[in-house]
């Protein structure tokens, strides 16, 4: 069996695994509409673990395993450090406490929370790379891509934090906040935290002179990001809110929020911010497939991604 055949087999197996992981994650988003019938911890696990596994498999095909593990390590280390710091000092996210909804904790920090940064963090990075592209000067790409990725990642939290804090009760903001019970400092913290590990990865990736990989593989990750966004539609289903749940939510600061508005803002950010980001990235990869510069040979959709 020659090398080309082995590489083709690897591509085929990886593609199938990614599709299965995507389907599991998509199914978990459907289960979110039935919180009284499915254990909440199982829903959380199926939100986090398949997405993280997707990141590892996709990253292996796109960057090679060493760079992918480095990316995951940066996500886990930086996110855990900032989350732990905020739990004790309030910086950078604000003052909050985790409940038992997200399962086991280490030093007050749920293990699954840190792992969640890997899955959504990775697909947000691919969206940003696709949007910024690889046909411009190196320095702007090096500086702009981490910022765009941070925005894509923070948009996810902008949508889901009010729901997970007020309806699912996965964590409690001690002082409430002006964004449907969530303080604005939380989103500053997300921008800072994600920018730190994205910028670190961008610098290391540039030094190792890794390529962008095949656009066809990028689209799998863009599809996962879009599924993260569209999955929030199930939050709006009547079955997603337990019967008898109060229609007026009062945060710890005494502010009153209408339940339908909390759900509505989740849908608004998901559909009007996250989905357009995914769509723009998808179109951008299509342009890359047909040749990025005049006179340049088109990039074949099944061209081999960079591997270790």
C-alpha atoms as a PDB file:
ATOM      1  CA  UNK A   1       0.000   0.000   0.000  1.00  0.00           C
ATOM      2  CA  UNK A   2       1.591   3.280  -1.102  1.00  0.00           C
ATOM      3  CA  UNK A   3       1.709   6.535   0.833  1.00  0.00           C
ATOM      4  CA  UNK A   4      -1.005   8.217  -1.261  1.00  0.00           C
ATOM      5  CA  UNK A   5      -3.443   5.384  -0.512  1.00  0.00           C
ATOM      6  CA  UNK A   6      -2.715   5.567   3.207  1.00  0.00           C
ATOM      7  CA  UNK A   7      -3.239   9.327   3.200  1.00  0.00           C
ATOM      8  CA  UNK A   8      -6.534   8.934   1.347  1.00  0.00           C
ATOM      9  CA  UNK A   9      -7.693   6.363   3.907  1.00  0.00           C
ATOM     10  CA  UNK A  10      -6.746   8.699   6.743  1.00  0.00           C
ATOM     11  CA  UNK A  11      -8.722  11.532   5.142  1.00  0.00           C
ATOM     12  CA  UNK A  12     -11.743   9.304   4.673  1.00  0.00           C
ATOM     13  CA  UNK A  13     -11.710   7.990   8.242  1.00  0.00           C
ATOM     14  CA  UNK A  14     -11.181  11.458   9.698  1.00  0.00           C
ATOM     15  CA  UNK A  15     -14.073  12.864   7.652  1.00  0.00           C
ATOM     16  CA  UNK A  16     -16.409  10.124   8.877  1.00  0.00           C
ATOM     17  CA  UNK A  17     -15.375  10.641  12.494  1.00  0.00           C
ATOM     18  CA  UNK A  18     -15.948  14.380  12.195  1.00  0.00           C
ATOM     19  CA  UNK A  19     -19.425  13.857  10.748  1.00  0.00           C
ATOM     20  CA  UNK A  20     -20.316  11.474  13.587  1.00  0.00           C
ATOM     21  CA  UNK A  21     -19.070  13.941  16.210  1.00  0.00           C
ATOM     22  CA  UNK A  22     -21.025  16.723  14.518  1.00  0.00           C
ATOM     23  CA  UNK A  23     -24.181  14.604  14.567  1.00  0.00           C
ATOM     24  CA  UNK A  24     -23.728  13.797  18.261  1.00  0.00           C
ATOM     25  CA  UNK A  25     -23.287  17.467  19.066  1.00  0.00           C
ATOM     26  CA  UNK A  26     -26.302  18.435  16.952  1.00  0.00           C
ATOM     27  CA  UNK A  27     -28.343  15.788  18.748  1.00  0.00           C
ATOM     28  CA  UNK A  28     -27.268  17.200  22.095  1.00  0.00           C
ATOM     29  CA  UNK A  29     -28.604  20.594  21.074  1.00  0.00           C
ATOM     30  CA  UNK A  30     -31.977  18.970  20.387  1.00  0.00           C
ATOM     31  CA  UNK A  31     -31.908  17.351  23.838  1.00  0.00           C
ATOM     32  CA  UNK A  32     -31.573  20.836  25.321  1.00  0.00           C
ATOM     33  CA  UNK A  33     -35.247  21.309  24.494  1.00  0.00           C
ATOM     34  CA  UNK A  34     -36.177  18.546  26.965  1.00  0.00           C
ATOM     35  CA  UNK A  35     -34.391  19.444  30.238  1.00  0.00           C
ATOM     36  CA  UNK A  36     -36.969  17.652  32.425  1.00  0.00           C
ATOM     37  CA  UNK A  37     -36.615  14.365  30.517  1.00  0.00           C
ATOM     38  CA  UNK A  38     -32.851  14.221  30.071  1.00  0.00           C
ATOM     39  CA  UNK A  39     -30.344  14.674  32.932  1.00  0.00           C
ATOM     40  CA  UNK A  40     -28.804  18.137  32.693  1.00  0.00           C
ATOM     41  CA  UNK A  41     -25.292  16.826  33.281  1.00  0.00           C
ATOM     42  CA  UNK A  42     -25.666  14.452  30.305  1.00  0.00           C
ATOM     43  CA  UNK A  43     -26.734  17.373  28.126  1.00  0.00           C
ATOM     44  CA  UNK A  44     -23.694  19.362  29.272  1.00  0.00           C
ATOM     45  CA  UNK A  45     -21.349  16.431  28.588  1.00  0.00           C
ATOM     46  CA  UNK A  46     -22.766  15.964  25.090  1.00  0.00           C
ATOM     47  CA  UNK A  47     -22.365  19.710  24.477  1.00  0.00           C
ATOM     48  CA  UNK A  48     -18.715  19.725  25.496  1.00  0.00           C
ATOM     49  CA  UNK A  49     -17.014  16.379  24.812  1.00  0.00           C
ATOM     50  CA  UNK A  50     -17.996  15.828  21.129  1.00  0.00           C
ATOM     51  CA  UNK A  51     -17.061  19.425  20.287  1.00  0.00           C
ATOM     52  CA  UNK A  52     -13.657  19.036  21.945  1.00  0.00           C
ATOM     53  CA  UNK A  53     -13.083  15.701  20.176  1.00  0.00           C
ATOM     54  CA  UNK A  54     -14.098  17.369  16.893  1.00  0.00           C
ATOM     55  CA  UNK A  55     -11.439  20.025  17.488  1.00  0.00           C
ATOM     56  CA  UNK A  56      -8.731  17.421  18.071  1.00  0.00           C
ATOM     57  CA  UNK A  57      -9.579  15.330  15.000  1.00  0.00           C
ATOM     58  CA  UNK A  58     -10.077  18.323  12.710  1.00  0.00           C
ATOM     59  CA  UNK A  59      -6.933  19.986  14.030  1.00  0.00           C
ATOM     60  CA  UNK A  60      -4.925  16.824  13.423  1.00  0.00           C
ATOM     61  CA  UNK A  61      -5.909  16.880   9.765  1.00  0.00           C
ATOM     62  CA  UNK A  62      -5.470  20.635   9.365  1.00  0.00           C
ATOM     63  CA  UNK A  63      -2.387  21.468  11.457  1.00  0.00           C
ATOM     64  CA  UNK A  64      -0.896  18.211  12.643  1.00  0.00           C
ATOM     65  CA  UNK A  65      -1.304  16.696  16.076  1.00  0.00           C
ATOM     66  CA  UNK A  66       1.487  18.612  17.818  1.00  0.00           C
ATOM     67  CA  UNK A  67       0.076  22.032  16.945  1.00  0.00           C
ATOM     68  CA  UNK A  68      -3.451  20.830  17.733  1.00  0.00           C
ATOM     69  CA  UNK A  69      -2.480  19.585  21.183  1.00  0.00           C
ATOM     70  CA  UNK A  70      -0.653  22.852  21.723  1.00  0.00           C
ATOM     71  CA  UNK A  71      -3.825  24.771  20.833  1.00  0.00           C
ATOM     72  CA  UNK A  72      -5.888  22.639  23.226  1.00  0.00           C
ATOM     73  CA  UNK A  73      -3.293  23.065  25.963  1.00  0.00           C
ATOM     74  CA  UNK A  74      -3.293  26.842  25.549  1.00  0.00           C
ATOM     75  CA  UNK A  75      -7.110  26.927  25.727  1.00  0.00           C
ATOM     76  CA  UNK A  76      -7.213  24.806  28.861  1.00  0.00           C
ATOM     77  CA  UNK A  77      -4.350  26.549  30.637  1.00  0.00           C
ATOM     78  CA  UNK A  78      -5.296  30.163  29.890  1.00  0.00           C
ATOM     79  CA  UNK A  79      -9.041  29.671  30.396  1.00  0.00           C
ATOM     80  CA  UNK A  80      -8.556  27.778  33.665  1.00  0.00           C
ATOM     81  CA  UNK A  81      -6.132  30.398  34.949  1.00  0.00           C
ATOM     82  CA  UNK A  82      -8.425  33.356  34.211  1.00  0.00           C
ATOM     83  CA  UNK A  83     -11.567  31.567  35.425  1.00  0.00           C
ATOM     84  CA  UNK A  84      -9.829  30.587  38.674  1.00  0.00           C
ATOM     85  CA  UNK A  85      -8.513  34.115  39.116  1.00  0.00           C
ATOM     86  CA  UNK A  86     -11.971  35.584  38.611  1.00  0.00           C
ATOM     87  CA  UNK A  87     -13.551  33.155  41.076  1.00  0.00           C
ATOM     88  CA  UNK A  88     -11.204  34.520  43.730  1.00  0.00           C
ATOM     89  CA  UNK A  89     -10.779  38.183  42.780  1.00  0.00           C
ATOM     90  CA  UNK A  90     -13.535  39.102  40.306  1.00  0.00           C
ATOM     91  CA  UNK A  91     -11.014  39.821  37.532  1.00  0.00           C
ATOM     92  CA  UNK A  92     -11.526  39.658  34.615  1.00  0.00           C
ATOM     93  CA  UNK A  93     -15.069  38.224  34.354  1.00  0.00           C
ATOM     94  CA  UNK A  94     -16.654  39.496  37.543  1.00  0.00           C
ATOM     95  CA  UNK A  95     -17.842  37.830  40.754  1.00  0.00           C
ATOM     96  CA  UNK A  96     -19.727  34.581  40.240  1.00  0.00           C
ATOM     97  CA  UNK A  97     -20.097  31.064  41.640  1.00  0.00           C
ATOM     98  CA  UNK A  98     -20.689  27.783  39.854  1.00  0.00           C
ATOM     99  CA  UNK A  99     -23.539  25.523  40.916  1.00  0.00           C
ATOM    100  CA  UNK A 100     -23.453  21.740  40.575  1.00  0.00           C
ATOM    101  CA  UNK A 101     -25.101  21.737  37.130  1.00  0.00           C
ATOM    102  CA  UNK A 102     -21.822  21.361  35.208  1.00  0.00           C
ATOM    103  CA  UNK A 103     -20.581  18.423  37.237  1.00  0.00           C
ATOM    104  CA  UNK A 104     -17.279  17.785  39.063  1.00  0.00           C
ATOM    105  CA  UNK A 105     -15.056  20.725  39.994  1.00  0.00           C
ATOM    106  CA  UNK A 106     -11.370  21.174  40.652  1.00  0.00           C
ATOM    107  CA  UNK A 107     -10.647  24.157  42.909  1.00  0.00           C
ATOM    108  CA  UNK A 108     -14.226  25.439  42.373  1.00  0.00           C
ATOM    109  CA  UNK A 109     -13.879  25.288  38.568  1.00  0.00           C
ATOM    110  CA  UNK A 110     -15.987  22.712  36.654  1.00  0.00           C
ATOM    111  CA  UNK A 111     -13.824  20.432  34.534  1.00  0.00           C
ATOM    112  CA  UNK A 112     -16.331  20.568  31.689  1.00  0.00           C
ATOM    113  CA  UNK A 113     -16.230  24.364  31.574  1.00  0.00           C
ATOM    114  CA  UNK A 114     -12.515  24.461  30.791  1.00  0.00           C
ATOM    115  CA  UNK A 115     -12.997  21.753  28.161  1.00  0.00           C
ATOM    116  CA  UNK A 116     -15.775  23.802  26.532  1.00  0.00           C
ATOM    117  CA  UNK A 117     -13.197  26.420  25.550  1.00  0.00           C
ATOM    118  CA  UNK A 118     -11.428  23.857  23.354  1.00  0.00           C
ATOM    119  CA  UNK A 119     -14.342  22.859  21.129  1.00  0.00           C
ATOM    120  CA  UNK A 120     -16.002  26.202  20.449  1.00  0.00           C
ATOM    121  CA  UNK A 121     -12.645  27.954  20.730  1.00  0.00           C
ATOM    122  CA  UNK A 122     -11.235  25.876  17.894  1.00  0.00           C
ATOM    123  CA  UNK A 123     -14.123  26.309  15.441  1.00  0.00           C
ATOM    124  CA  UNK A 124     -14.184  30.053  16.212  1.00  0.00           C
ATOM    125  CA  UNK A 125     -10.508  30.143  15.269  1.00  0.00           C
ATOM    126  CA  UNK A 126     -11.187  28.398  11.947  1.00  0.00           C
ATOM    127  CA  UNK A 127     -13.988  30.881  11.205  1.00  0.00           C
ATOM    128  CA  UNK A 128     -11.568  33.733  11.879  1.00  0.00           C
ATOM    129  CA  UNK A 129      -8.801  32.211   9.754  1.00  0.00           C
ATOM    130  CA  UNK A 130     -11.242  31.756   6.905  1.00  0.00           C
ATOM    131  CA  UNK A 131     -12.506  35.339   7.175  1.00  0.00           C
ATOM    132  CA  UNK A 132      -9.072  36.965   7.393  1.00  0.00           C
ATOM    133  CA  UNK A 133      -7.622  34.685   4.717  1.00  0.00           C
ATOM    134  CA  UNK A 134      -4.044  34.015   3.779  1.00  0.00           C
ATOM    135  CA  UNK A 135      -3.550  36.301   0.794  1.00  0.00           C
ATOM    136  CA  UNK A 136      -2.450  39.438   2.653  1.00  0.00           C
ATOM    137  CA  UNK A 137       0.669  40.585   4.517  1.00  0.00           C
ATOM    138  CA  UNK A 138       1.746  38.260   7.317  1.00  0.00           C
ATOM    139  CA  UNK A 139       1.789  40.779  10.163  1.00  0.00           C
ATOM    140  CA  UNK A 140      -1.851  41.915   9.800  1.00  0.00           C
ATOM    141  CA  UNK A 141      -2.968  38.287   9.647  1.00  0.00           C
ATOM    142  CA  UNK A 142      -0.922  37.540  12.727  1.00  0.00           C
ATOM    143  CA  UNK A 143      -2.598  40.349  14.685  1.00  0.00           C
ATOM    144  CA  UNK A 144      -6.084  40.475  13.170  1.00  0.00           C
ATOM    145  CA  UNK A 145      -6.986  36.777  13.179  1.00  0.00           C
ATOM    146  CA  UNK A 146      -6.814  36.426  17.002  1.00  0.00           C
ATOM    147  CA  UNK A 147      -9.059  39.495  17.439  1.00  0.00           C
ATOM    148  CA  UNK A 148     -11.647  38.201  14.960  1.00  0.00           C
ATOM    149  CA  UNK A 149     -11.553  34.775  16.639  1.00  0.00           C
ATOM    150  CA  UNK A 150     -12.095  36.422  20.038  1.00  0.00           C
ATOM    151  CA  UNK A 151     -15.153  38.229  18.685  1.00  0.00           C
ATOM    152  CA  UNK A 152     -16.554  35.005  17.214  1.00  0.00           C
ATOM    153  CA  UNK A 153     -16.024  33.194  20.516  1.00  0.00           C
ATOM    154  CA  UNK A 154     -17.421  36.021  22.659  1.00  0.00           C
ATOM    155  CA  UNK A 155     -20.531  36.194  20.463  1.00  0.00           C
ATOM    156  CA  UNK A 156     -21.277  32.648  21.627  1.00  0.00           C
ATOM    157  CA  UNK A 157     -21.092  33.676  25.273  1.00  0.00           C
ATOM    158  CA  UNK A 158     -23.104  36.831  24.582  1.00  0.00           C
ATOM    159  CA  UNK A 159     -25.905  34.562  23.378  1.00  0.00           C
ATOM    160  CA  UNK A 160     -25.781  31.735  25.874  1.00  0.00           C
ATOM    161  CA  UNK A 161     -24.654  33.259  29.192  1.00  0.00           C
ATOM    162  CA  UNK A 162     -28.035  34.834  30.107  1.00  0.00           C
ATOM    163  CA  UNK A 163     -29.746  31.487  29.451  1.00  0.00           C
ATOM    164  CA  UNK A 164     -27.256  29.341  31.335  1.00  0.00           C
ATOM    165  CA  UNK A 165     -27.143  31.763  34.245  1.00  0.00           C
ATOM    166  CA  UNK A 166     -30.840  32.596  34.582  1.00  0.00           C
ATOM    167  CA  UNK A 167     -32.678  29.525  33.312  1.00  0.00           C
ATOM    168  CA  UNK A 168     -30.261  26.595  33.649  1.00  0.00           C
ATOM    169  CA  UNK A 169     -28.658  28.020  36.812  1.00  0.00           C
ATOM    170  CA  UNK A 170     -25.219  26.671  35.900  1.00  0.00           C
ATOM    171  CA  UNK A 171     -23.631  29.672  37.632  1.00  0.00           C
ATOM    172  CA  UNK A 172     -24.787  32.682  39.637  1.00  0.00           C
ATOM    173  CA  UNK A 173     -23.582  36.262  39.203  1.00  0.00           C
ATOM    174  CA  UNK A 174     -23.283  37.682  42.718  1.00  0.00           C
ATOM    175  CA  UNK A 175     -24.065  41.258  41.700  1.00  0.00           C
ATOM    176  CA  UNK A 176     -26.290  40.621  38.690  1.00  0.00           C
ATOM    177  CA  UNK A 177     -25.576  42.631  35.573  1.00  0.00           C
ATOM    178  CA  UNK A 178     -26.978  44.946  32.940  1.00  0.00           C
ATOM    179  CA  UNK A 179     -27.004  42.329  30.140  1.00  0.00           C
ATOM    180  CA  UNK A 180     -29.993  40.278  31.312  1.00  0.00           C
ATOM    181  CA  UNK A 181     -28.404  39.619  34.669  1.00  0.00           C
ATOM    182  CA  UNK A 182     -24.850  39.254  33.347  1.00  0.00           C
ATOM    183  CA  UNK A 183     -22.242  41.988  33.983  1.00  0.00           C
ATOM    184  CA  UNK A 184     -20.461  43.548  31.024  1.00  0.00           C
ATOM    185  CA  UNK A 185     -17.162  42.658  32.698  1.00  0.00           C
ATOM    186  CA  UNK A 186     -17.887  39.048  31.762  1.00  0.00           C
ATOM    187  CA  UNK A 187     -17.577  39.855  28.073  1.00  0.00           C
ATOM    188  CA  UNK A 188     -14.420  41.871  28.633  1.00  0.00           C
ATOM    189  CA  UNK A 189     -13.079  38.767  30.361  1.00  0.00           C
ATOM    190  CA  UNK A 190     -14.035  36.562  27.439  1.00  0.00           C
ATOM    191  CA  UNK A 191     -12.389  38.868  24.924  1.00  0.00           C
ATOM    192  CA  UNK A 192      -9.214  39.030  27.006  1.00  0.00           C
ATOM    193  CA  UNK A 193      -9.022  35.318  27.792  1.00  0.00           C
ATOM    194  CA  UNK A 194      -9.652  34.111  24.265  1.00  0.00           C
ATOM    195  CA  UNK A 195      -7.393  36.749  22.728  1.00  0.00           C
ATOM    196  CA  UNK A 196      -4.497  35.614  24.937  1.00  0.00           C
ATOM    197  CA  UNK A 197      -4.589  31.983  23.840  1.00  0.00           C
ATOM    198  CA  UNK A 198      -5.429  32.853  20.223  1.00  0.00           C
ATOM    199  CA  UNK A 199      -2.563  35.331  19.975  1.00  0.00           C
ATOM    200  CA  UNK A 200      -0.146  32.886  21.569  1.00  0.00           C
ATOM    201  CA  UNK A 201      -1.203  30.183  19.115  1.00  0.00           C
ATOM    202  CA  UNK A 202      -0.905  32.569  16.151  1.00  0.00           C
ATOM    203  CA  UNK A 203       2.651  33.456  17.107  1.00  0.00           C
ATOM    204  CA  UNK A 204       3.673  29.829  17.516  1.00  0.00           C
ATOM    205  CA  UNK A 205       1.914  28.770  14.327  1.00  0.00           C
ATOM    206  CA  UNK A 206       3.690  31.503  12.360  1.00  0.00           C
ATOM    207  CA  UNK A 207       7.089  30.462  13.707  1.00  0.00           C
ATOM    208  CA  UNK A 208       6.461  26.868  12.666  1.00  0.00           C
ATOM    209  CA  UNK A 209       5.401  28.012   9.187  1.00  0.00           C
ATOM    210  CA  UNK A 210       2.264  25.907   9.018  1.00  0.00           C
ATOM    211  CA  UNK A 211      -0.097  26.305   6.054  1.00  0.00           C
ATOM    212  CA  UNK A 212      -3.797  27.054   6.042  1.00  0.00           C
ATOM    213  CA  UNK A 213      -4.835  23.525   5.076  1.00  0.00           C
ATOM    214  CA  UNK A 214      -7.502  22.634   2.542  1.00  0.00           C
ATOM    215  CA  UNK A 215     -10.649  24.810   2.408  1.00  0.00           C
ATOM    216  CA  UNK A 216     -12.793  21.670   2.317  1.00  0.00           C
ATOM    217  CA  UNK A 217     -11.648  20.821   5.826  1.00  0.00           C
ATOM    218  CA  UNK A 218     -12.223  24.380   7.023  1.00  0.00           C
ATOM    219  CA  UNK A 219     -15.862  24.122   5.995  1.00  0.00           C
ATOM    220  CA  UNK A 220     -16.433  21.194   8.359  1.00  0.00           C
ATOM    221  CA  UNK A 221     -15.403  23.411  11.276  1.00  0.00           C
ATOM    222  CA  UNK A 222     -17.462  26.335   9.957  1.00  0.00           C
ATOM    223  CA  UNK A 223     -20.477  24.011   9.833  1.00  0.00           C
ATOM    224  CA  UNK A 224     -19.858  23.090  13.470  1.00  0.00           C
ATOM    225  CA  UNK A 225     -19.735  26.787  14.435  1.00  0.00           C
ATOM    226  CA  UNK A 226     -23.018  27.360  12.604  1.00  0.00           C
ATOM    227  CA  UNK A 227     -24.519  24.405  14.486  1.00  0.00           C
ATOM    228  CA  UNK A 228     -23.414  25.977  17.774  1.00  0.00           C
ATOM    229  CA  UNK A 229     -25.403  29.052  16.756  1.00  0.00           C
ATOM    230  CA  UNK A 230     -28.459  27.362  15.279  1.00  0.00           C
ATOM    231  CA  UNK A 231     -28.662  24.975  18.216  1.00  0.00           C
ATOM    232  CA  UNK A 232     -29.829  27.889  20.328  1.00  0.00           C
ATOM    233  CA  UNK A 233     -33.118  27.807  18.420  1.00  0.00           C
ATOM    234  CA  UNK A 234     -34.125  24.842  20.602  1.00  0.00           C
ATOM    235  CA  UNK A 235     -33.888  27.072  23.680  1.00  0.00           C
ATOM    236  CA  UNK A 236     -36.978  28.894  22.390  1.00  0.00           C
ATOM    237  CA  UNK A 237     -39.162  25.774  22.280  1.00  0.00           C
ATOM    238  CA  UNK A 238     -41.836  25.653  25.016  1.00  0.00           C
ATOM    239  CA  UNK A 239     -40.477  22.345  26.347  1.00  0.00           C
ATOM    240  CA  UNK A 240     -37.052  23.918  26.958  1.00  0.00           C
ATOM    241  CA  UNK A 241     -38.381  25.869  29.956  1.00  0.00           C
ATOM    242  CA  UNK A 242     -39.720  23.757  32.827  1.00  0.00           C
ATOM    243  CA  UNK A 243     -43.435  24.102  33.525  1.00  0.00           C
ATOM    244  CA  UNK A 244     -44.173  26.704  36.154  1.00  0.00           C
ATOM    245  CA  UNK A 245     -40.893  28.533  35.622  1.00  0.00           C
ATOM    246  CA  UNK A 246     -41.404  32.219  36.539  1.00  0.00           C
ATOM    247  CA  UNK A 247     -41.951  34.552  33.605  1.00  0.00           C
ATOM    248  CA  UNK A 248     -40.132  37.323  35.442  1.00  0.00           C
ATOM    249  CA  UNK A 249     -36.542  36.586  36.486  1.00  0.00           C
ATOM    250  CA  UNK A 250     -34.976  38.546  39.318  1.00  0.00           C
ATOM    251  CA  UNK A 251     -31.172  38.619  39.414  1.00  0.00           C
ATOM    252  CA  UNK A 252     -29.093  38.916  42.578  1.00  0.00           C
ATOM    253  CA  UNK A 253     -29.067  42.711  42.291  1.00  0.00           C
ATOM    254  CA  UNK A 254     -32.863  42.826  42.271  1.00  0.00           C
ATOM    255  CA  UNK A 255     -33.196  43.677  38.580  1.00  0.00           C
ATOM    256  CA  UNK A 256     -36.210  42.124  36.873  1.00  0.00           C
ATOM    257  CA  UNK A 257     -35.935  40.467  33.460  1.00  0.00           C
ATOM    258  CA  UNK A 258     -38.695  39.044  31.288  1.00  0.00           C
ATOM    259  CA  UNK A 259     -38.025  35.381  30.543  1.00  0.00           C
ATOM    260  CA  UNK A 260     -39.012  35.682  26.874  1.00  0.00           C
ATOM    261  CA  UNK A 261     -36.525  38.548  26.446  1.00  0.00           C
ATOM    262  CA  UNK A 262     -33.691  36.431  27.875  1.00  0.00           C
ATOM    263  CA  UNK A 263     -34.480  33.713  25.343  1.00  0.00           C
ATOM    264  CA  UNK A 264     -35.026  36.281  22.584  1.00  0.00           C
ATOM    265  CA  UNK A 265     -31.606  37.873  22.968  1.00  0.00           C
ATOM    266  CA  UNK A 266     -30.030  34.414  22.745  1.00  0.00           C
ATOM    267  CA  UNK A 267     -31.752  33.870  19.406  1.00  0.00           C
ATOM    268  CA  UNK A 268     -30.953  37.385  18.205  1.00  0.00           C
ATOM    269  CA  UNK A 269     -27.197  37.045  18.747  1.00  0.00           C
ATOM    270  CA  UNK A 270     -27.158  33.508  17.365  1.00  0.00           C
ATOM    271  CA  UNK A 271     -29.044  34.307  14.163  1.00  0.00           C
ATOM    272  CA  UNK A 272     -27.877  37.875  13.519  1.00  0.00           C
ATOM    273  CA  UNK A 273     -24.236  37.668  14.619  1.00  0.00           C
ATOM    274  CA  UNK A 274     -22.963  34.085  14.734  1.00  0.00           C
ATOM    275  CA  UNK A 275     -24.754  32.806  11.618  1.00  0.00           C
ATOM    276  CA  UNK A 276     -23.553  35.693   9.415  1.00  0.00           C
ATOM    277  CA  UNK A 277     -19.989  35.067  10.629  1.00  0.00           C
ATOM    278  CA  UNK A 278     -20.304  31.408   9.626  1.00  0.00           C
ATOM    279  CA  UNK A 279     -21.867  32.301   6.277  1.00  0.00           C
ATOM    280  CA  UNK A 280     -19.158  34.840   5.462  1.00  0.00           C
ATOM    281  CA  UNK A 281     -16.446  32.334   6.376  1.00  0.00           C
ATOM    282  CA  UNK A 282     -18.133  29.690   4.204  1.00  0.00           C
ATOM    283  CA  UNK A 283     -18.208  32.040   1.212  1.00  0.00           C
ATOM    284  CA  UNK A 284     -14.613  33.027   1.841  1.00  0.00           C
ATOM    285  CA  UNK A 285     -13.471  29.388   1.685  1.00  0.00           C
ATOM    286  CA  UNK A 286     -15.379  28.981  -1.571  1.00  0.00           C
ATOM    287  CA  UNK A 287     -13.359  31.830  -3.033  1.00  0.00           C
ATOM    288  CA  UNK A 288     -10.172  30.144  -1.824  1.00  0.00           C
ATOM    289  CA  UNK A 289     -11.156  26.941  -3.602  1.00  0.00           C
ATOM    290  CA  UNK A 290     -11.412  28.685  -6.974  1.00  0.00           C
ATOM    291  CA  UNK A 291      -8.011  30.358  -6.705  1.00  0.00           C
ATOM    292  CA  UNK A 292      -7.087  33.264  -4.471  1.00  0.00           C
ATOM    293  CA  UNK A 293      -5.168  35.364  -6.965  1.00  0.00           C
ATOM    294  CA  UNK A 294      -5.396  36.006 -10.659  1.00  0.00           C
ATOM    295  CA  UNK A 295      -3.285  33.500 -12.526  1.00  0.00           C
ATOM    296  CA  UNK A 296      -2.925  31.253  -9.481  1.00  0.00           C
ATOM    297  CA  UNK A 297      -3.876  27.597  -9.893  1.00  0.00           C
ATOM    298  CA  UNK A 298      -7.141  26.715  -8.135  1.00  0.00           C
ATOM    299  CA  UNK A 299      -6.802  24.879  -4.865  1.00  0.00           C
ATOM    300  CA  UNK A 300      -8.367  21.446  -5.192  1.00  0.00           C
ATOM    301  CA  UNK A 301     -11.037  20.803  -2.537  1.00  0.00           C
ATOM    302  CA  UNK A 302      -9.453  17.490  -1.605  1.00  0.00           C
ATOM    303  CA  UNK A 303      -5.899  18.735  -1.446  1.00  0.00           C
ATOM    304  CA  UNK A 304      -3.935  17.302   1.423  1.00  0.00           C
ATOM    305  CA  UNK A 305      -4.028  19.292   4.673  1.00  0.00           C
ATOM    306  CA  UNK A 306      -0.859  19.833   6.649  1.00  0.00           C
ATOM    307  CA  UNK A 307      -0.052  16.965   9.000  1.00  0.00           C
ATOM    308  CA  UNK A 308       2.644  16.366  11.524  1.00  0.00           C
END
